[in-house]
């Protein structure tokens, strides 16, 4: 059977046009997942020539949902810095994280202030960085990576042979974690 598609080039008329100013920008998509088996984060880096670099990590420390979102955002931005990228678009489905990083919402939770300050320092590596909030349904691949990372129990012998897994033993900005004055950890009374 030899399939023929005589009008296959016509689809190019319907592809999204990329603005000239965006053609050199990298993209980071990020998300986190938590379930009964564990907690994971996932991010996808997209180069201007449409090369996709996927990574995921399992979180091995206590955190809130918003800390996990900040954590994976920081991990994605750190990974792009390693590629010496100067122009970046960051997409995430956490309205809180995106709007706080844009400076549109105030960061009141003292646990998030250090994360925001850390990402602000990372932003200095870029000539241009823009944060976009997207609906959860548009972030399915990152969610799938994060869910996959949350479901596997890592052994002390290393990673899986076909998928690179890492276990994060402390937050990206580990100085954030402090004990309260009563000697209990900061997450003790999270409701």
C-alpha atoms as a PDB file:
ATOM      1  CA  UNK A   1       0.000   0.000   0.000  1.00  0.00           C
ATOM      2  CA  UNK A   2       1.459   3.317  -1.018  1.00  0.00           C
ATOM      3  CA  UNK A   3      -0.351   6.289   0.521  1.00  0.00           C
ATOM      4  CA  UNK A   4      -0.411   9.397  -1.604  1.00  0.00           C
ATOM      5  CA  UNK A   5      -1.284  12.820  -0.324  1.00  0.00           C
ATOM      6  CA  UNK A   6      -1.194  15.146  -3.318  1.00  0.00           C
ATOM      7  CA  UNK A   7      -2.185  18.194  -1.251  1.00  0.00           C
ATOM      8  CA  UNK A   8      -0.005  17.515   1.777  1.00  0.00           C
ATOM      9  CA  UNK A   9       1.784  20.866   1.395  1.00  0.00           C
ATOM     10  CA  UNK A  10      -1.472  22.763   1.768  1.00  0.00           C
ATOM     11  CA  UNK A  11      -1.387  22.191   5.520  1.00  0.00           C
ATOM     12  CA  UNK A  12       1.448  24.684   5.768  1.00  0.00           C
ATOM     13  CA  UNK A  13      -1.063  27.469   5.103  1.00  0.00           C
ATOM     14  CA  UNK A  14      -2.795  26.698   8.380  1.00  0.00           C
ATOM     15  CA  UNK A  15       0.224  26.523  10.669  1.00  0.00           C
ATOM     16  CA  UNK A  16       0.679  29.318  13.179  1.00  0.00           C
ATOM     17  CA  UNK A  17       2.936  32.009  11.923  1.00  0.00           C
ATOM     18  CA  UNK A  18       5.826  32.707  14.266  1.00  0.00           C
ATOM     19  CA  UNK A  19       6.588  36.363  14.814  1.00  0.00           C
ATOM     20  CA  UNK A  20      10.095  37.383  13.766  1.00  0.00           C
ATOM     21  CA  UNK A  21      10.755  38.520  17.319  1.00  0.00           C
ATOM     22  CA  UNK A  22       9.882  35.043  18.665  1.00  0.00           C
ATOM     23  CA  UNK A  23      11.782  32.892  16.159  1.00  0.00           C
ATOM     24  CA  UNK A  24      14.931  32.778  18.332  1.00  0.00           C
ATOM     25  CA  UNK A  25      13.138  32.209  21.644  1.00  0.00           C
ATOM     26  CA  UNK A  26      13.310  28.988  23.579  1.00  0.00           C
ATOM     27  CA  UNK A  27      10.242  27.734  25.425  1.00  0.00           C
ATOM     28  CA  UNK A  28       9.872  26.072  28.826  1.00  0.00           C
ATOM     29  CA  UNK A  29       6.665  24.232  29.768  1.00  0.00           C
ATOM     30  CA  UNK A  30       6.388  23.053  33.384  1.00  0.00           C
ATOM     31  CA  UNK A  31       4.025  21.198  35.734  1.00  0.00           C
ATOM     32  CA  UNK A  32       3.971  19.033  38.842  1.00  0.00           C
ATOM     33  CA  UNK A  33       1.914  16.044  39.965  1.00  0.00           C
ATOM     34  CA  UNK A  34       1.171  14.448  43.302  1.00  0.00           C
ATOM     35  CA  UNK A  35      -0.593  11.172  44.001  1.00  0.00           C
ATOM     36  CA  UNK A  36      -0.616   8.318  46.493  1.00  0.00           C
ATOM     37  CA  UNK A  37       2.630   6.941  45.066  1.00  0.00           C
ATOM     38  CA  UNK A  38       4.686  10.121  45.295  1.00  0.00           C
ATOM     39  CA  UNK A  39       5.396  13.572  43.966  1.00  0.00           C
ATOM     40  CA  UNK A  40       6.988  14.496  40.660  1.00  0.00           C
ATOM     41  CA  UNK A  41       7.747  17.425  38.408  1.00  0.00           C
ATOM     42  CA  UNK A  42       8.136  17.605  34.663  1.00  0.00           C
ATOM     43  CA  UNK A  43       9.357  20.173  32.189  1.00  0.00           C
ATOM     44  CA  UNK A  44       9.866  20.367  28.455  1.00  0.00           C
ATOM     45  CA  UNK A  45      12.411  22.654  26.840  1.00  0.00           C
ATOM     46  CA  UNK A  46      11.760  23.572  23.209  1.00  0.00           C
ATOM     47  CA  UNK A  47      14.532  25.075  21.093  1.00  0.00           C
ATOM     48  CA  UNK A  48      13.821  27.512  18.236  1.00  0.00           C
ATOM     49  CA  UNK A  49      14.431  24.683  15.743  1.00  0.00           C
ATOM     50  CA  UNK A  50      11.780  22.531  17.527  1.00  0.00           C
ATOM     51  CA  UNK A  51      14.122  20.199  19.392  1.00  0.00           C
ATOM     52  CA  UNK A  52      12.308  18.897  22.495  1.00  0.00           C
ATOM     53  CA  UNK A  53      14.230  18.174  25.675  1.00  0.00           C
ATOM     54  CA  UNK A  54      12.106  16.500  28.330  1.00  0.00           C
ATOM     55  CA  UNK A  55      13.044  16.005  31.924  1.00  0.00           C
ATOM     56  CA  UNK A  56      11.381  14.985  35.120  1.00  0.00           C
ATOM     57  CA  UNK A  57      12.328  14.621  38.751  1.00  0.00           C
ATOM     58  CA  UNK A  58      10.853  13.081  41.851  1.00  0.00           C
ATOM     59  CA  UNK A  59      10.583  15.397  44.852  1.00  0.00           C
ATOM     60  CA  UNK A  60      12.008  13.902  48.020  1.00  0.00           C
ATOM     61  CA  UNK A  61      11.241  16.741  50.427  1.00  0.00           C
ATOM     62  CA  UNK A  62       8.107  18.221  51.965  1.00  0.00           C
ATOM     63  CA  UNK A  63       6.412  21.043  50.103  1.00  0.00           C
ATOM     64  CA  UNK A  64       3.108  22.711  49.277  1.00  0.00           C
ATOM     65  CA  UNK A  65       1.517  22.689  45.806  1.00  0.00           C
ATOM     66  CA  UNK A  66       2.760  26.200  45.124  1.00  0.00           C
ATOM     67  CA  UNK A  67       6.298  25.336  46.215  1.00  0.00           C
ATOM     68  CA  UNK A  68       6.261  22.378  43.808  1.00  0.00           C
ATOM     69  CA  UNK A  69       5.173  24.664  40.965  1.00  0.00           C
ATOM     70  CA  UNK A  70       7.941  27.149  41.803  1.00  0.00           C
ATOM     71  CA  UNK A  71      10.404  24.261  42.102  1.00  0.00           C
ATOM     72  CA  UNK A  72       9.740  22.907  38.614  1.00  0.00           C
ATOM     73  CA  UNK A  73       9.689  26.415  37.132  1.00  0.00           C
ATOM     74  CA  UNK A  74      13.138  27.018  38.640  1.00  0.00           C
ATOM     75  CA  UNK A  75      14.402  23.645  37.375  1.00  0.00           C
ATOM     76  CA  UNK A  76      13.222  24.426  33.838  1.00  0.00           C
ATOM     77  CA  UNK A  77      14.810  27.864  33.838  1.00  0.00           C
ATOM     78  CA  UNK A  78      18.062  26.456  35.278  1.00  0.00           C
ATOM     79  CA  UNK A  79      18.179  23.860  32.499  1.00  0.00           C
ATOM     80  CA  UNK A  80      17.763  26.514  29.803  1.00  0.00           C
ATOM     81  CA  UNK A  81      20.538  28.608  31.349  1.00  0.00           C
ATOM     82  CA  UNK A  82      22.849  25.625  30.849  1.00  0.00           C
ATOM     83  CA  UNK A  83      22.205  25.977  27.091  1.00  0.00           C
ATOM     84  CA  UNK A  84      23.260  29.666  27.211  1.00  0.00           C
ATOM     85  CA  UNK A  85      19.793  30.779  26.078  1.00  0.00           C
ATOM     86  CA  UNK A  86      19.091  34.528  26.097  1.00  0.00           C
ATOM     87  CA  UNK A  87      15.456  34.671  24.892  1.00  0.00           C
ATOM     88  CA  UNK A  88      12.824  32.602  26.721  1.00  0.00           C
ATOM     89  CA  UNK A  89       9.070  32.070  27.001  1.00  0.00           C
ATOM     90  CA  UNK A  90       7.873  30.182  30.104  1.00  0.00           C
ATOM     91  CA  UNK A  91       4.464  28.450  30.158  1.00  0.00           C
ATOM     92  CA  UNK A  92       2.802  27.062  33.272  1.00  0.00           C
ATOM     93  CA  UNK A  93      -0.720  26.309  34.481  1.00  0.00           C
ATOM     94  CA  UNK A  94      -0.168  27.754  37.967  1.00  0.00           C
ATOM     95  CA  UNK A  95      -1.841  31.158  37.925  1.00  0.00           C
ATOM     96  CA  UNK A  96      -0.242  32.031  41.260  1.00  0.00           C
ATOM     97  CA  UNK A  97       3.335  31.347  40.151  1.00  0.00           C
ATOM     98  CA  UNK A  98       2.992  33.012  36.755  1.00  0.00           C
ATOM     99  CA  UNK A  99       1.270  36.152  38.027  1.00  0.00           C
ATOM    100  CA  UNK A 100       3.701  36.497  40.942  1.00  0.00           C
ATOM    101  CA  UNK A 101       6.696  36.172  38.634  1.00  0.00           C
ATOM    102  CA  UNK A 102       5.195  38.772  36.305  1.00  0.00           C
ATOM    103  CA  UNK A 103       4.874  41.088  39.310  1.00  0.00           C
ATOM    104  CA  UNK A 104       1.092  41.322  38.928  1.00  0.00           C
ATOM    105  CA  UNK A 105       0.310  39.590  42.223  1.00  0.00           C
ATOM    106  CA  UNK A 106       1.941  40.150  45.588  1.00  0.00           C
ATOM    107  CA  UNK A 107       3.837  37.243  47.152  1.00  0.00           C
ATOM    108  CA  UNK A 108       2.553  36.994  50.699  1.00  0.00           C
ATOM    109  CA  UNK A 109       3.521  33.464  51.678  1.00  0.00           C
ATOM    110  CA  UNK A 110       6.980  33.675  53.260  1.00  0.00           C
ATOM    111  CA  UNK A 111       7.749  30.201  51.923  1.00  0.00           C
ATOM    112  CA  UNK A 112       7.397  31.467  48.357  1.00  0.00           C
ATOM    113  CA  UNK A 113       9.280  34.758  48.737  1.00  0.00           C
ATOM    114  CA  UNK A 114      12.671  33.017  48.568  1.00  0.00           C
ATOM    115  CA  UNK A 115      11.628  31.036  45.489  1.00  0.00           C
ATOM    116  CA  UNK A 116      10.492  34.190  43.764  1.00  0.00           C
ATOM    117  CA  UNK A 117      13.759  35.946  44.681  1.00  0.00           C
ATOM    118  CA  UNK A 118      15.742  32.963  43.389  1.00  0.00           C
ATOM    119  CA  UNK A 119      13.921  32.941  40.052  1.00  0.00           C
ATOM    120  CA  UNK A 120      14.388  36.726  39.815  1.00  0.00           C
ATOM    121  CA  UNK A 121      18.146  36.082  40.051  1.00  0.00           C
ATOM    122  CA  UNK A 122      17.864  33.463  37.300  1.00  0.00           C
ATOM    123  CA  UNK A 123      16.000  35.976  35.122  1.00  0.00           C
ATOM    124  CA  UNK A 124      19.136  38.144  35.051  1.00  0.00           C
ATOM    125  CA  UNK A 125      20.763  35.526  32.763  1.00  0.00           C
ATOM    126  CA  UNK A 126      18.303  36.410  29.977  1.00  0.00           C
ATOM    127  CA  UNK A 127      17.939  39.346  27.639  1.00  0.00           C
ATOM    128  CA  UNK A 128      14.188  38.700  27.434  1.00  0.00           C
ATOM    129  CA  UNK A 129      11.968  36.330  29.419  1.00  0.00           C
ATOM    130  CA  UNK A 130       8.162  36.271  29.402  1.00  0.00           C
ATOM    131  CA  UNK A 131       5.848  34.212  31.635  1.00  0.00           C
ATOM    132  CA  UNK A 132       2.527  32.922  30.280  1.00  0.00           C
ATOM    133  CA  UNK A 133      -0.341  31.314  32.167  1.00  0.00           C
ATOM    134  CA  UNK A 134      -2.038  28.533  30.212  1.00  0.00           C
ATOM    135  CA  UNK A 135      -5.060  26.347  30.982  1.00  0.00           C
ATOM    136  CA  UNK A 136      -4.326  22.965  32.549  1.00  0.00           C
ATOM    137  CA  UNK A 137      -5.674  21.151  29.461  1.00  0.00           C
ATOM    138  CA  UNK A 138      -2.916  22.748  27.358  1.00  0.00           C
ATOM    139  CA  UNK A 139      -0.224  21.427  29.688  1.00  0.00           C
ATOM    140  CA  UNK A 140      -0.902  17.710  29.273  1.00  0.00           C
ATOM    141  CA  UNK A 141       2.581  16.537  28.265  1.00  0.00           C
ATOM    142  CA  UNK A 142       4.261  18.138  31.277  1.00  0.00           C
ATOM    143  CA  UNK A 143       1.532  16.763  33.511  1.00  0.00           C
ATOM    144  CA  UNK A 144       2.132  13.289  32.071  1.00  0.00           C
ATOM    145  CA  UNK A 145       5.889  13.558  32.692  1.00  0.00           C
ATOM    146  CA  UNK A 146       5.315  14.738  36.257  1.00  0.00           C
ATOM    147  CA  UNK A 147       2.801  11.953  36.883  1.00  0.00           C
ATOM    148  CA  UNK A 148       5.235   9.384  35.497  1.00  0.00           C
ATOM    149  CA  UNK A 149       7.990  10.694  37.777  1.00  0.00           C
ATOM    150  CA  UNK A 150       5.646  10.517  40.770  1.00  0.00           C
ATOM    151  CA  UNK A 151       4.691   6.878  40.116  1.00  0.00           C
ATOM    152  CA  UNK A 152       8.133   5.240  40.065  1.00  0.00           C
ATOM    153  CA  UNK A 153      10.020   4.335  43.199  1.00  0.00           C
ATOM    154  CA  UNK A 154      13.700   4.913  42.550  1.00  0.00           C
ATOM    155  CA  UNK A 155      16.220   2.431  43.800  1.00  0.00           C
ATOM    156  CA  UNK A 156      19.535   3.457  45.344  1.00  0.00           C
ATOM    157  CA  UNK A 157      21.265   1.769  42.384  1.00  0.00           C
ATOM    158  CA  UNK A 158      20.511   4.531  39.918  1.00  0.00           C
ATOM    159  CA  UNK A 159      18.245   5.606  37.138  1.00  0.00           C
ATOM    160  CA  UNK A 160      16.063   3.592  34.802  1.00  0.00           C
ATOM    161  CA  UNK A 161      17.955   2.605  31.654  1.00  0.00           C
ATOM    162  CA  UNK A 162      15.600   4.261  29.153  1.00  0.00           C
ATOM    163  CA  UNK A 163      14.301   7.232  31.087  1.00  0.00           C
ATOM    164  CA  UNK A 164      16.477   9.589  33.047  1.00  0.00           C
ATOM    165  CA  UNK A 165      15.079  10.011  36.544  1.00  0.00           C
ATOM    166  CA  UNK A 166      16.504  12.080  39.339  1.00  0.00           C
ATOM    167  CA  UNK A 167      15.457  12.404  42.928  1.00  0.00           C
ATOM    168  CA  UNK A 168      15.518  15.920  44.317  1.00  0.00           C
ATOM    169  CA  UNK A 169      16.520  15.662  47.984  1.00  0.00           C
ATOM    170  CA  UNK A 170      16.159  19.360  48.667  1.00  0.00           C
ATOM    171  CA  UNK A 171      14.430  22.330  47.026  1.00  0.00           C
ATOM    172  CA  UNK A 172      16.146  24.377  44.319  1.00  0.00           C
ATOM    173  CA  UNK A 173      16.350  27.170  46.844  1.00  0.00           C
ATOM    174  CA  UNK A 174      17.082  25.010  49.884  1.00  0.00           C
ATOM    175  CA  UNK A 175      17.659  27.937  52.269  1.00  0.00           C
ATOM    176  CA  UNK A 176      13.910  28.496  52.117  1.00  0.00           C
ATOM    177  CA  UNK A 177      13.179  25.667  54.528  1.00  0.00           C
ATOM    178  CA  UNK A 178      13.338  26.828  58.112  1.00  0.00           C
ATOM    179  CA  UNK A 179      11.946  25.537  61.353  1.00  0.00           C
ATOM    180  CA  UNK A 180       9.327  27.607  63.080  1.00  0.00           C
ATOM    181  CA  UNK A 181       9.985  28.985  66.542  1.00  0.00           C
ATOM    182  CA  UNK A 182       8.096  26.117  68.201  1.00  0.00           C
ATOM    183  CA  UNK A 183      10.608  23.613  66.728  1.00  0.00           C
ATOM    184  CA  UNK A 184       8.163  22.140  64.211  1.00  0.00           C
ATOM    185  CA  UNK A 185       8.830  22.242  60.453  1.00  0.00           C
ATOM    186  CA  UNK A 186       7.188  24.993  58.413  1.00  0.00           C
ATOM    187  CA  UNK A 187       4.747  22.550  56.772  1.00  0.00           C
ATOM    188  CA  UNK A 188       3.397  21.181  60.077  1.00  0.00           C
ATOM    189  CA  UNK A 189       0.167  23.191  60.109  1.00  0.00           C
ATOM    190  CA  UNK A 190      -0.637  23.302  56.387  1.00  0.00           C
ATOM    191  CA  UNK A 191      -4.330  22.737  55.899  1.00  0.00           C
END
